[in-house]
Amino acid sequence: MSAPRLHTTSATLRTWRRDGDCWRPVAGPYTARVGWNGLSRSRHEGDGTTPIGTFPIRPRMYGGGPNPGVRFRYTRLHCGDWWVEDPRSLAYNTFQRVGCGVRPPFKVTTPDMSKSPRAYEFLAVIGFNVDPIVPGRGSGIFLHVQVHDSTNGCVSLPRARLLRILRWLAPAAAPEIVVGVG
C-alpha cells in the first residue's frame, strides 16, 4: 500500500502474488483510508497514524457476523470482546473476551469491538507491534471495512473490496502488508 505523502488519509492498495522470483499483480488499485494523522515510522498509542513498514497478516481474522468465507481461523465478535489499548495491561495489543456487561480488567478508551458492527463486520489483524509487544507503541491495527474518510491508524477499504481480499488471502502464503510513501 502506498500513500503519496506522510500527511494524508488516503492511500492506494494493490494485491500481489509471488510467482517464483517475480511478483504478479492480482487486484487493485483500490483507494484505502489510513490514520487521521497520516503515516508514521514511529507510531505510538493514540497518535492517529498508520505505521510504515512490512507487517504480517496475523493468523486469525475477526468479525461481527458468521465467517464470510475467509481461509484463516475466524472468531465471531460478541459483546465484551476487546482489543486491549491500555499500555499498562499485560494483555496490551491482544484480543480479550471479557464477557458482556463485565468491566474489563484494563483501562478502556473505546467501546468493545462489537459496538463497531460496520467497521468490524470482518477484519484482518495487521501484525504491528507484536513480536515483541512494546507498551505504548500502538495497538489494534486492522484491515477493516471503511466507514469514514480516515481511521485511528488502521487501513480500511470499501466492504466489497475488503471482502474480496480477505477471501483471497491464504494462511500458507504467509501474507504481509507493506505500508509506505511513494
N, C-alpha and C. Protein backbone atom coordinates (compact mmCIF):
# COMPACT_ATOMS: atom_id res chain seq x y z
N MET A 1 0.85 -1.16 0.00
CA MET A 1 0.00 0.00 0.00
C MET A 1 0.89 1.22 0.00
N SER A 2 0.57 2.18 -0.81
CA SER A 2 1.41 3.36 -0.94
C SER A 2 0.56 4.63 -0.81
N ALA A 3 1.09 5.57 -0.04
CA ALA A 3 0.45 6.88 0.11
C ALA A 3 1.31 7.91 -0.61
N PRO A 4 0.73 8.99 -1.10
CA PRO A 4 1.50 9.99 -1.83
C PRO A 4 2.45 10.79 -0.93
N ARG A 5 2.13 10.86 0.37
CA ARG A 5 2.95 11.62 1.32
C ARG A 5 2.61 11.15 2.73
N LEU A 6 3.41 11.56 3.70
CA LEU A 6 3.18 11.14 5.09
C LEU A 6 1.85 11.65 5.63
N HIS A 7 1.54 12.91 5.38
CA HIS A 7 0.35 13.54 5.96
C HIS A 7 -0.81 13.47 4.98
N THR A 8 -1.47 12.31 4.97
CA THR A 8 -2.61 12.06 4.10
C THR A 8 -3.52 11.06 4.79
N THR A 9 -4.75 10.98 4.38
CA THR A 9 -5.65 9.95 4.91
C THR A 9 -6.05 8.97 3.81
N SER A 10 -5.43 9.08 2.66
CA SER A 10 -5.76 8.25 1.52
C SER A 10 -4.50 7.57 0.98
N ALA A 11 -4.65 6.32 0.58
CA ALA A 11 -3.52 5.57 0.01
C ALA A 11 -4.06 4.66 -1.09
N THR A 12 -3.15 4.05 -1.82
CA THR A 12 -3.52 3.12 -2.88
C THR A 12 -3.07 1.73 -2.48
N LEU A 13 -4.00 0.79 -2.49
CA LEU A 13 -3.70 -0.58 -2.12
C LEU A 13 -3.81 -1.47 -3.34
N ARG A 14 -2.81 -2.30 -3.52
CA ARG A 14 -2.79 -3.32 -4.58
C ARG A 14 -2.43 -4.64 -3.94
N THR A 15 -2.93 -5.74 -4.52
CA THR A 15 -2.52 -7.05 -4.04
C THR A 15 -1.61 -7.70 -5.08
N TRP A 16 -0.64 -8.45 -4.57
CA TRP A 16 0.37 -9.09 -5.41
C TRP A 16 0.53 -10.54 -4.98
N ARG A 17 0.92 -11.37 -5.93
CA ARG A 17 1.17 -12.79 -5.68
C ARG A 17 2.57 -13.12 -6.15
N ARG A 18 3.32 -13.84 -5.31
CA ARG A 18 4.67 -14.25 -5.69
C ARG A 18 4.58 -15.42 -6.64
N ASP A 19 5.29 -15.31 -7.76
CA ASP A 19 5.34 -16.35 -8.78
C ASP A 19 6.81 -16.60 -9.07
N GLY A 20 7.42 -17.55 -8.34
CA GLY A 20 8.86 -17.77 -8.46
C GLY A 20 9.60 -16.57 -7.90
N ASP A 21 10.44 -15.95 -8.75
CA ASP A 21 11.18 -14.77 -8.33
C ASP A 21 10.45 -13.47 -8.65
N CYS A 22 9.28 -13.57 -9.22
CA CYS A 22 8.55 -12.38 -9.66
C CYS A 22 7.30 -12.15 -8.81
N TRP A 23 6.87 -10.90 -8.79
CA TRP A 23 5.60 -10.54 -8.16
C TRP A 23 4.62 -10.18 -9.26
N ARG A 24 3.45 -10.80 -9.23
CA ARG A 24 2.41 -10.57 -10.22
C ARG A 24 1.23 -9.84 -9.58
N PRO A 25 0.70 -8.81 -10.26
CA PRO A 25 -0.47 -8.11 -9.70
C PRO A 25 -1.69 -9.02 -9.70
N VAL A 26 -2.52 -8.88 -8.66
CA VAL A 26 -3.74 -9.67 -8.54
C VAL A 26 -4.97 -8.77 -8.61
N ALA A 27 -5.00 -7.73 -7.78
CA ALA A 27 -6.17 -6.86 -7.74
C ALA A 27 -5.76 -5.45 -7.34
N GLY A 28 -6.64 -4.51 -7.65
CA GLY A 28 -6.36 -3.11 -7.36
C GLY A 28 -5.94 -2.42 -8.64
N PRO A 29 -5.67 -1.16 -8.56
CA PRO A 29 -5.52 -0.36 -7.36
C PRO A 29 -6.87 0.01 -6.73
N TYR A 30 -6.89 0.02 -5.40
CA TYR A 30 -8.04 0.42 -4.61
C TYR A 30 -7.66 1.60 -3.74
N THR A 31 -8.60 2.51 -3.55
CA THR A 31 -8.37 3.60 -2.61
C THR A 31 -8.63 3.09 -1.20
N ALA A 32 -7.62 3.22 -0.36
CA ALA A 32 -7.72 2.81 1.04
C ALA A 32 -7.66 4.06 1.91
N ARG A 33 -8.18 3.94 3.11
CA ARG A 33 -8.11 5.02 4.09
C ARG A 33 -7.16 4.62 5.20
N VAL A 34 -6.42 5.61 5.69
CA VAL A 34 -5.44 5.39 6.74
C VAL A 34 -5.71 6.36 7.89
N GLY A 35 -4.78 6.44 8.83
CA GLY A 35 -4.95 7.24 10.03
C GLY A 35 -5.25 8.71 9.78
N TRP A 36 -6.03 9.30 10.69
CA TRP A 36 -6.41 10.72 10.57
C TRP A 36 -5.20 11.64 10.67
N ASN A 37 -4.08 11.12 11.12
CA ASN A 37 -2.85 11.91 11.20
C ASN A 37 -1.79 11.38 10.24
N GLY A 38 -2.22 10.60 9.24
CA GLY A 38 -1.31 10.14 8.19
C GLY A 38 -0.54 8.88 8.56
N LEU A 39 0.68 8.81 8.04
CA LEU A 39 1.55 7.65 8.25
C LEU A 39 2.73 8.06 9.13
N SER A 40 3.32 7.06 9.81
CA SER A 40 4.45 7.36 10.69
C SER A 40 5.40 6.18 10.78
N ARG A 41 6.69 6.49 10.86
CA ARG A 41 7.71 5.47 11.10
C ARG A 41 7.86 5.18 12.59
N SER A 42 7.30 6.05 13.42
CA SER A 42 7.44 5.89 14.88
C SER A 42 6.08 6.04 15.57
N ARG A 43 5.14 5.25 15.14
CA ARG A 43 3.78 5.32 15.69
C ARG A 43 3.79 5.04 17.19
N HIS A 44 2.87 5.71 17.89
CA HIS A 44 2.65 5.39 19.30
C HIS A 44 1.15 5.47 19.60
N GLU A 45 0.76 4.84 20.68
CA GLU A 45 -0.65 4.71 21.04
C GLU A 45 -1.39 6.05 20.99
N GLY A 46 -2.48 6.08 20.23
CA GLY A 46 -3.37 7.24 20.20
C GLY A 46 -2.95 8.38 19.30
N ASP A 47 -1.86 8.22 18.52
CA ASP A 47 -1.40 9.36 17.71
C ASP A 47 -2.13 9.50 16.38
N GLY A 48 -3.02 8.55 16.04
CA GLY A 48 -3.81 8.65 14.82
C GLY A 48 -3.04 8.40 13.54
N THR A 49 -1.90 7.71 13.64
CA THR A 49 -1.13 7.40 12.43
C THR A 49 -1.17 5.91 12.13
N THR A 50 -0.98 5.61 10.86
CA THR A 50 -0.83 4.24 10.40
C THR A 50 0.67 3.97 10.30
N PRO A 51 1.13 2.86 10.87
CA PRO A 51 2.57 2.60 10.87
C PRO A 51 3.11 2.26 9.49
N ILE A 52 4.32 2.75 9.22
CA ILE A 52 5.04 2.42 7.98
C ILE A 52 5.87 1.18 8.23
N GLY A 53 5.89 0.29 7.26
CA GLY A 53 6.72 -0.91 7.36
C GLY A 53 6.06 -2.09 6.68
N THR A 54 6.67 -3.25 6.87
CA THR A 54 6.15 -4.51 6.35
C THR A 54 5.69 -5.34 7.53
N PHE A 55 4.44 -5.75 7.51
CA PHE A 55 3.84 -6.43 8.64
C PHE A 55 3.09 -7.68 8.18
N PRO A 56 3.17 -8.76 8.96
CA PRO A 56 2.41 -9.96 8.60
C PRO A 56 0.92 -9.76 8.87
N ILE A 57 0.12 -10.50 8.15
CA ILE A 57 -1.30 -10.61 8.48
C ILE A 57 -1.36 -11.73 9.52
N ARG A 58 -1.90 -11.40 10.68
CA ARG A 58 -1.92 -12.35 11.80
C ARG A 58 -2.82 -13.55 11.48
N PRO A 59 -2.61 -14.68 12.16
CA PRO A 59 -3.27 -15.93 11.77
C PRO A 59 -4.74 -16.10 12.16
N ARG A 60 -5.38 -15.05 12.63
CA ARG A 60 -6.81 -15.13 12.96
C ARG A 60 -7.50 -13.87 12.46
N MET A 61 -8.66 -14.06 11.85
CA MET A 61 -9.49 -12.94 11.44
C MET A 61 -10.71 -12.88 12.35
N TYR A 62 -11.37 -11.73 12.38
CA TYR A 62 -12.50 -11.49 13.28
C TYR A 62 -13.63 -10.84 12.52
N GLY A 63 -14.82 -10.89 13.09
CA GLY A 63 -15.94 -10.17 12.50
C GLY A 63 -17.20 -10.33 13.31
N GLY A 64 -18.12 -9.42 13.08
CA GLY A 64 -19.38 -9.41 13.81
C GLY A 64 -20.38 -10.43 13.35
N GLY A 65 -20.18 -10.99 12.19
CA GLY A 65 -21.10 -11.99 11.67
C GLY A 65 -20.41 -13.32 11.45
N PRO A 66 -21.12 -14.25 10.83
CA PRO A 66 -20.51 -15.55 10.53
C PRO A 66 -19.30 -15.39 9.60
N ASN A 67 -18.44 -16.37 9.59
CA ASN A 67 -17.28 -16.36 8.70
C ASN A 67 -17.75 -16.08 7.27
N PRO A 68 -17.22 -15.03 6.64
CA PRO A 68 -17.66 -14.69 5.29
C PRO A 68 -16.94 -15.49 4.20
N GLY A 69 -16.25 -16.55 4.59
CA GLY A 69 -15.56 -17.38 3.60
C GLY A 69 -14.06 -17.18 3.60
N VAL A 70 -13.50 -16.65 4.69
CA VAL A 70 -12.05 -16.49 4.77
C VAL A 70 -11.43 -17.84 5.09
N ARG A 71 -10.16 -18.01 4.70
CA ARG A 71 -9.45 -19.27 4.92
C ARG A 71 -8.65 -19.28 6.22
N PHE A 72 -8.63 -18.16 6.91
CA PHE A 72 -7.94 -18.06 8.20
C PHE A 72 -8.88 -18.54 9.31
N ARG A 73 -8.30 -18.88 10.48
CA ARG A 73 -9.15 -19.12 11.64
C ARG A 73 -9.97 -17.86 11.85
N TYR A 74 -11.20 -18.02 12.30
CA TYR A 74 -12.12 -16.89 12.37
C TYR A 74 -12.82 -16.89 13.72
N THR A 75 -12.88 -15.71 14.34
CA THR A 75 -13.59 -15.54 15.59
C THR A 75 -14.71 -14.54 15.39
N ARG A 76 -15.91 -14.96 15.72
CA ARG A 76 -17.05 -14.06 15.63
C ARG A 76 -17.08 -13.18 16.88
N LEU A 77 -17.22 -11.87 16.67
CA LEU A 77 -17.22 -10.92 17.77
C LEU A 77 -18.55 -10.90 18.50
N HIS A 78 -18.46 -10.74 19.83
CA HIS A 78 -19.63 -10.65 20.69
C HIS A 78 -19.44 -9.49 21.65
N CYS A 79 -20.52 -9.10 22.30
CA CYS A 79 -20.47 -8.10 23.34
C CYS A 79 -19.42 -8.52 24.38
N GLY A 80 -18.54 -7.59 24.74
CA GLY A 80 -17.50 -7.89 25.71
C GLY A 80 -16.19 -8.36 25.11
N ASP A 81 -16.04 -8.23 23.78
CA ASP A 81 -14.78 -8.55 23.12
C ASP A 81 -13.99 -7.27 22.91
N TRP A 82 -12.76 -7.27 23.33
CA TRP A 82 -11.92 -6.06 23.32
C TRP A 82 -10.58 -6.32 22.66
N TRP A 83 -10.04 -5.28 22.04
CA TRP A 83 -8.63 -5.26 21.68
C TRP A 83 -8.01 -4.30 22.69
N VAL A 84 -7.08 -4.78 23.49
CA VAL A 84 -6.57 -4.03 24.64
C VAL A 84 -5.64 -2.91 24.19
N GLU A 85 -6.06 -1.66 24.50
CA GLU A 85 -5.30 -0.45 24.15
C GLU A 85 -4.58 0.16 25.35
N ASP A 86 -4.66 -0.48 26.50
CA ASP A 86 -4.06 0.03 27.73
C ASP A 86 -2.62 -0.44 27.84
N PRO A 87 -1.63 0.47 27.63
CA PRO A 87 -0.22 0.06 27.65
C PRO A 87 0.24 -0.49 29.01
N ARG A 88 -0.52 -0.23 30.07
CA ARG A 88 -0.14 -0.75 31.39
C ARG A 88 -0.64 -2.17 31.63
N SER A 89 -1.48 -2.67 30.75
CA SER A 89 -2.02 -4.00 30.90
C SER A 89 -1.07 -5.06 30.34
N LEU A 90 -0.99 -6.20 31.00
CA LEU A 90 -0.20 -7.32 30.47
C LEU A 90 -0.81 -7.87 29.19
N ALA A 91 -2.08 -7.55 28.94
CA ALA A 91 -2.78 -8.01 27.73
C ALA A 91 -2.71 -6.99 26.59
N TYR A 92 -1.89 -5.95 26.74
CA TYR A 92 -1.79 -4.89 25.73
C TYR A 92 -1.59 -5.47 24.33
N ASN A 93 -2.33 -4.91 23.39
CA ASN A 93 -2.29 -5.26 21.97
C ASN A 93 -2.66 -6.73 21.72
N THR A 94 -3.63 -7.23 22.48
CA THR A 94 -4.16 -8.57 22.23
C THR A 94 -5.68 -8.53 22.30
N PHE A 95 -6.30 -9.54 21.71
CA PHE A 95 -7.75 -9.71 21.77
C PHE A 95 -8.09 -10.35 23.10
N GLN A 96 -9.11 -9.83 23.77
CA GLN A 96 -9.55 -10.38 25.04
C GLN A 96 -11.08 -10.49 25.04
N ARG A 97 -11.56 -11.66 25.40
CA ARG A 97 -13.01 -11.89 25.53
C ARG A 97 -13.33 -11.79 27.02
N VAL A 98 -13.93 -10.66 27.42
CA VAL A 98 -14.20 -10.38 28.83
C VAL A 98 -15.60 -10.83 29.22
N GLY A 99 -16.53 -10.68 28.32
CA GLY A 99 -17.93 -11.03 28.60
C GLY A 99 -18.78 -9.78 28.61
N CYS A 100 -19.99 -9.93 28.15
CA CYS A 100 -20.91 -8.80 28.04
C CYS A 100 -21.29 -8.28 29.43
N GLY A 101 -21.15 -6.99 29.61
CA GLY A 101 -21.52 -6.36 30.86
C GLY A 101 -20.49 -6.48 31.96
N VAL A 102 -19.38 -7.15 31.69
CA VAL A 102 -18.31 -7.31 32.68
C VAL A 102 -17.30 -6.19 32.48
N ARG A 103 -16.93 -5.54 33.58
CA ARG A 103 -15.94 -4.47 33.49
C ARG A 103 -14.56 -5.09 33.20
N PRO A 104 -13.91 -4.64 32.11
CA PRO A 104 -12.60 -5.20 31.77
C PRO A 104 -11.56 -4.88 32.85
N PRO A 105 -10.57 -5.77 33.01
CA PRO A 105 -9.51 -5.54 33.99
C PRO A 105 -8.41 -4.63 33.45
N PHE A 106 -8.72 -3.82 32.45
CA PHE A 106 -7.77 -2.89 31.86
C PHE A 106 -8.54 -1.61 31.53
N LYS A 107 -7.80 -0.52 31.39
CA LYS A 107 -8.41 0.77 31.06
C LYS A 107 -8.94 0.73 29.63
N VAL A 108 -10.15 1.25 29.42
CA VAL A 108 -10.73 1.29 28.08
C VAL A 108 -10.98 2.74 27.68
N THR A 109 -10.71 3.03 26.41
CA THR A 109 -10.95 4.37 25.87
C THR A 109 -11.92 4.32 24.69
N THR A 110 -12.19 3.12 24.20
CA THR A 110 -13.13 2.94 23.10
C THR A 110 -14.11 1.84 23.49
N PRO A 111 -15.25 1.77 22.81
CA PRO A 111 -16.22 0.69 23.12
C PRO A 111 -15.65 -0.68 22.74
N ASP A 112 -16.30 -1.72 23.25
CA ASP A 112 -15.85 -3.06 22.85
C ASP A 112 -16.08 -3.23 21.34
N MET A 113 -15.39 -4.20 20.76
CA MET A 113 -15.36 -4.36 19.31
C MET A 113 -16.74 -4.59 18.71
N SER A 114 -17.64 -5.21 19.47
CA SER A 114 -18.98 -5.48 18.94
C SER A 114 -19.78 -4.21 18.70
N LYS A 115 -19.35 -3.10 19.28
CA LYS A 115 -20.06 -1.83 19.15
C LYS A 115 -19.69 -1.10 17.85
N SER A 116 -18.83 -1.71 17.04
CA SER A 116 -18.47 -1.16 15.73
C SER A 116 -18.84 -2.16 14.65
N PRO A 117 -20.14 -2.47 14.52
CA PRO A 117 -20.54 -3.55 13.61
C PRO A 117 -20.29 -3.27 12.14
N ARG A 118 -20.23 -2.01 11.75
CA ARG A 118 -19.94 -1.72 10.33
C ARG A 118 -18.45 -1.86 10.05
N ALA A 119 -17.62 -1.19 10.82
CA ALA A 119 -16.17 -1.23 10.58
C ALA A 119 -15.62 -2.63 10.81
N TYR A 120 -16.13 -3.30 11.85
CA TYR A 120 -15.61 -4.61 12.22
C TYR A 120 -16.52 -5.74 11.77
N GLU A 121 -17.24 -5.52 10.68
CA GLU A 121 -18.07 -6.59 10.14
C GLU A 121 -17.19 -7.81 9.86
N PHE A 122 -16.00 -7.55 9.35
CA PHE A 122 -14.93 -8.54 9.26
C PHE A 122 -13.63 -7.78 9.14
N LEU A 123 -12.56 -8.39 9.67
CA LEU A 123 -11.27 -7.70 9.68
C LEU A 123 -10.12 -8.68 9.79
N ALA A 124 -8.98 -8.22 9.31
CA ALA A 124 -7.71 -8.93 9.49
C ALA A 124 -6.86 -8.09 10.41
N VAL A 125 -6.06 -8.75 11.23
CA VAL A 125 -5.16 -8.05 12.14
C VAL A 125 -3.82 -7.87 11.45
N ILE A 126 -3.37 -6.62 11.39
CA ILE A 126 -2.05 -6.30 10.85
C ILE A 126 -1.05 -6.47 11.99
N GLY A 127 -0.02 -7.26 11.77
CA GLY A 127 0.92 -7.62 12.83
C GLY A 127 1.91 -6.53 13.19
N PHE A 128 1.40 -5.39 13.59
CA PHE A 128 2.24 -4.29 14.07
C PHE A 128 2.39 -4.41 15.58
N ASN A 129 3.60 -4.22 16.06
CA ASN A 129 3.91 -4.24 17.49
C ASN A 129 3.49 -5.55 18.15
N VAL A 130 3.94 -6.66 17.57
CA VAL A 130 3.56 -7.96 18.12
C VAL A 130 4.73 -8.82 18.59
N ASP A 131 5.86 -8.73 18.02
CA ASP A 131 7.00 -9.61 18.38
C ASP A 131 8.28 -8.81 18.54
N PRO A 132 8.54 -8.21 19.68
CA PRO A 132 7.75 -8.25 20.91
C PRO A 132 6.73 -7.11 20.94
N ILE A 133 5.81 -7.21 21.87
CA ILE A 133 4.85 -6.12 22.10
C ILE A 133 5.54 -5.09 22.98
N VAL A 134 5.59 -3.85 22.50
CA VAL A 134 6.20 -2.75 23.25
C VAL A 134 5.07 -1.86 23.78
N PRO A 135 4.89 -1.80 25.10
CA PRO A 135 3.82 -0.98 25.65
C PRO A 135 3.90 0.47 25.17
N GLY A 136 2.77 0.98 24.68
CA GLY A 136 2.69 2.36 24.22
C GLY A 136 3.03 2.57 22.76
N ARG A 137 3.58 1.55 22.09
CA ARG A 137 3.98 1.72 20.68
C ARG A 137 2.77 1.76 19.75
N GLY A 138 1.69 1.12 20.15
CA GLY A 138 0.49 1.12 19.32
C GLY A 138 -0.18 -0.23 19.34
N SER A 139 -1.51 -0.22 19.24
CA SER A 139 -2.27 -1.46 19.33
C SER A 139 -3.45 -1.44 18.36
N GLY A 140 -3.93 -2.64 18.06
CA GLY A 140 -5.15 -2.77 17.28
C GLY A 140 -5.08 -2.15 15.90
N ILE A 141 -4.08 -2.52 15.12
CA ILE A 141 -4.00 -2.04 13.74
C ILE A 141 -4.63 -3.12 12.86
N PHE A 142 -5.76 -2.77 12.26
CA PHE A 142 -6.55 -3.74 11.49
C PHE A 142 -6.69 -3.32 10.04
N LEU A 143 -7.03 -4.29 9.20
CA LEU A 143 -7.50 -4.07 7.84
C LEU A 143 -9.00 -4.34 7.94
N HIS A 144 -9.81 -3.27 7.86
CA HIS A 144 -11.25 -3.40 8.12
C HIS A 144 -12.09 -2.62 7.12
N VAL A 145 -13.39 -2.72 7.29
CA VAL A 145 -14.35 -2.07 6.39
C VAL A 145 -14.30 -0.55 6.58
N GLN A 146 -14.28 0.17 5.47
CA GLN A 146 -14.24 1.63 5.51
C GLN A 146 -15.60 2.19 5.90
N VAL A 147 -15.59 3.07 6.91
CA VAL A 147 -16.82 3.75 7.31
C VAL A 147 -16.64 5.26 7.37
N HIS A 148 -15.41 5.75 7.36
CA HIS A 148 -15.13 7.18 7.41
C HIS A 148 -14.02 7.51 6.41
N ASP A 149 -13.65 8.79 6.34
CA ASP A 149 -12.57 9.21 5.44
C ASP A 149 -11.20 8.96 6.02
N SER A 150 -11.12 8.53 7.27
CA SER A 150 -9.84 8.19 7.89
C SER A 150 -10.11 7.18 9.01
N THR A 151 -9.03 6.67 9.59
CA THR A 151 -9.13 5.70 10.68
C THR A 151 -8.32 6.22 11.87
N ASN A 152 -8.27 5.45 12.94
CA ASN A 152 -7.42 5.80 14.08
C ASN A 152 -6.01 5.28 13.91
N GLY A 153 -5.73 4.66 12.78
CA GLY A 153 -4.40 4.10 12.50
C GLY A 153 -4.48 2.82 11.70
N CYS A 154 -5.68 2.33 11.51
CA CYS A 154 -5.90 1.12 10.73
C CYS A 154 -5.84 1.44 9.24
N VAL A 155 -6.05 0.41 8.43
CA VAL A 155 -6.21 0.55 6.98
C VAL A 155 -7.63 0.08 6.68
N SER A 156 -8.39 0.88 5.96
CA SER A 156 -9.77 0.48 5.64
C SER A 156 -10.01 0.54 4.14
N LEU A 157 -10.91 -0.33 3.72
CA LEU A 157 -11.32 -0.43 2.31
C LEU A 157 -12.84 -0.54 2.25
N PRO A 158 -13.43 -0.15 1.11
CA PRO A 158 -14.86 -0.40 0.94
C PRO A 158 -15.15 -1.90 1.13
N ARG A 159 -16.31 -2.19 1.66
CA ARG A 159 -16.69 -3.55 2.08
C ARG A 159 -16.42 -4.61 1.02
N ALA A 160 -16.91 -4.43 -0.19
CA ALA A 160 -16.78 -5.46 -1.23
C ALA A 160 -15.31 -5.72 -1.57
N ARG A 161 -14.52 -4.67 -1.63
CA ARG A 161 -13.10 -4.85 -1.96
C ARG A 161 -12.35 -5.55 -0.82
N LEU A 162 -12.67 -5.16 0.41
CA LEU A 162 -12.04 -5.81 1.55
C LEU A 162 -12.40 -7.29 1.58
N LEU A 163 -13.65 -7.59 1.39
CA LEU A 163 -14.10 -8.97 1.42
C LEU A 163 -13.39 -9.80 0.35
N ARG A 164 -13.23 -9.23 -0.82
CA ARG A 164 -12.52 -9.94 -1.90
C ARG A 164 -11.09 -10.27 -1.47
N ILE A 165 -10.42 -9.31 -0.85
CA ILE A 165 -9.03 -9.53 -0.42
C ILE A 165 -8.97 -10.54 0.72
N LEU A 166 -9.82 -10.41 1.72
CA LEU A 166 -9.78 -11.34 2.85
C LEU A 166 -10.05 -12.78 2.42
N ARG A 167 -10.95 -12.96 1.46
CA ARG A 167 -11.23 -14.31 0.95
C ARG A 167 -10.06 -14.85 0.13
N TRP A 168 -9.33 -13.97 -0.51
CA TRP A 168 -8.20 -14.38 -1.35
C TRP A 168 -6.97 -14.76 -0.52
N LEU A 169 -6.76 -14.09 0.61
CA LEU A 169 -5.59 -14.35 1.43
C LEU A 169 -5.56 -15.80 1.91
N ALA A 170 -4.38 -16.40 1.85
CA ALA A 170 -4.21 -17.80 2.27
C ALA A 170 -3.16 -17.87 3.37
N PRO A 171 -3.47 -18.50 4.49
CA PRO A 171 -2.51 -18.62 5.58
C PRO A 171 -1.18 -19.23 5.15
N ALA A 172 -1.22 -20.23 4.27
CA ALA A 172 0.01 -20.92 3.85
C ALA A 172 0.96 -19.99 3.09
N ALA A 173 0.44 -18.91 2.53
CA ALA A 173 1.27 -17.97 1.77
C ALA A 173 1.96 -16.96 2.68
N ALA A 174 1.66 -16.98 3.99
CA ALA A 174 2.24 -16.03 4.96
C ALA A 174 2.11 -14.59 4.44
N PRO A 175 0.88 -14.13 4.19
CA PRO A 175 0.70 -12.81 3.60
C PRO A 175 1.19 -11.68 4.50
N GLU A 176 1.62 -10.61 3.83
CA GLU A 176 2.10 -9.42 4.51
C GLU A 176 1.46 -8.19 3.87
N ILE A 177 1.45 -7.11 4.63
CA ILE A 177 1.04 -5.82 4.09
C ILE A 177 2.24 -4.89 4.21
N VAL A 178 2.52 -4.18 3.13
CA VAL A 178 3.60 -3.22 3.09
C VAL A 178 2.96 -1.83 3.05
N VAL A 179 3.31 -0.99 4.01
CA VAL A 179 2.76 0.37 4.08
C VAL A 179 3.93 1.33 3.89
N GLY A 180 3.79 2.22 2.91
CA GLY A 180 4.87 3.16 2.65
C GLY A 180 4.41 4.41 1.95
N VAL A 181 5.38 5.26 1.65
CA VAL A 181 5.14 6.51 0.95
C VAL A 181 5.91 6.44 -0.36
N GLY A 182 5.26 6.87 -1.42
CA GLY A 182 6.00 6.90 -2.68
C GLY A 182 5.13 6.72 -3.89
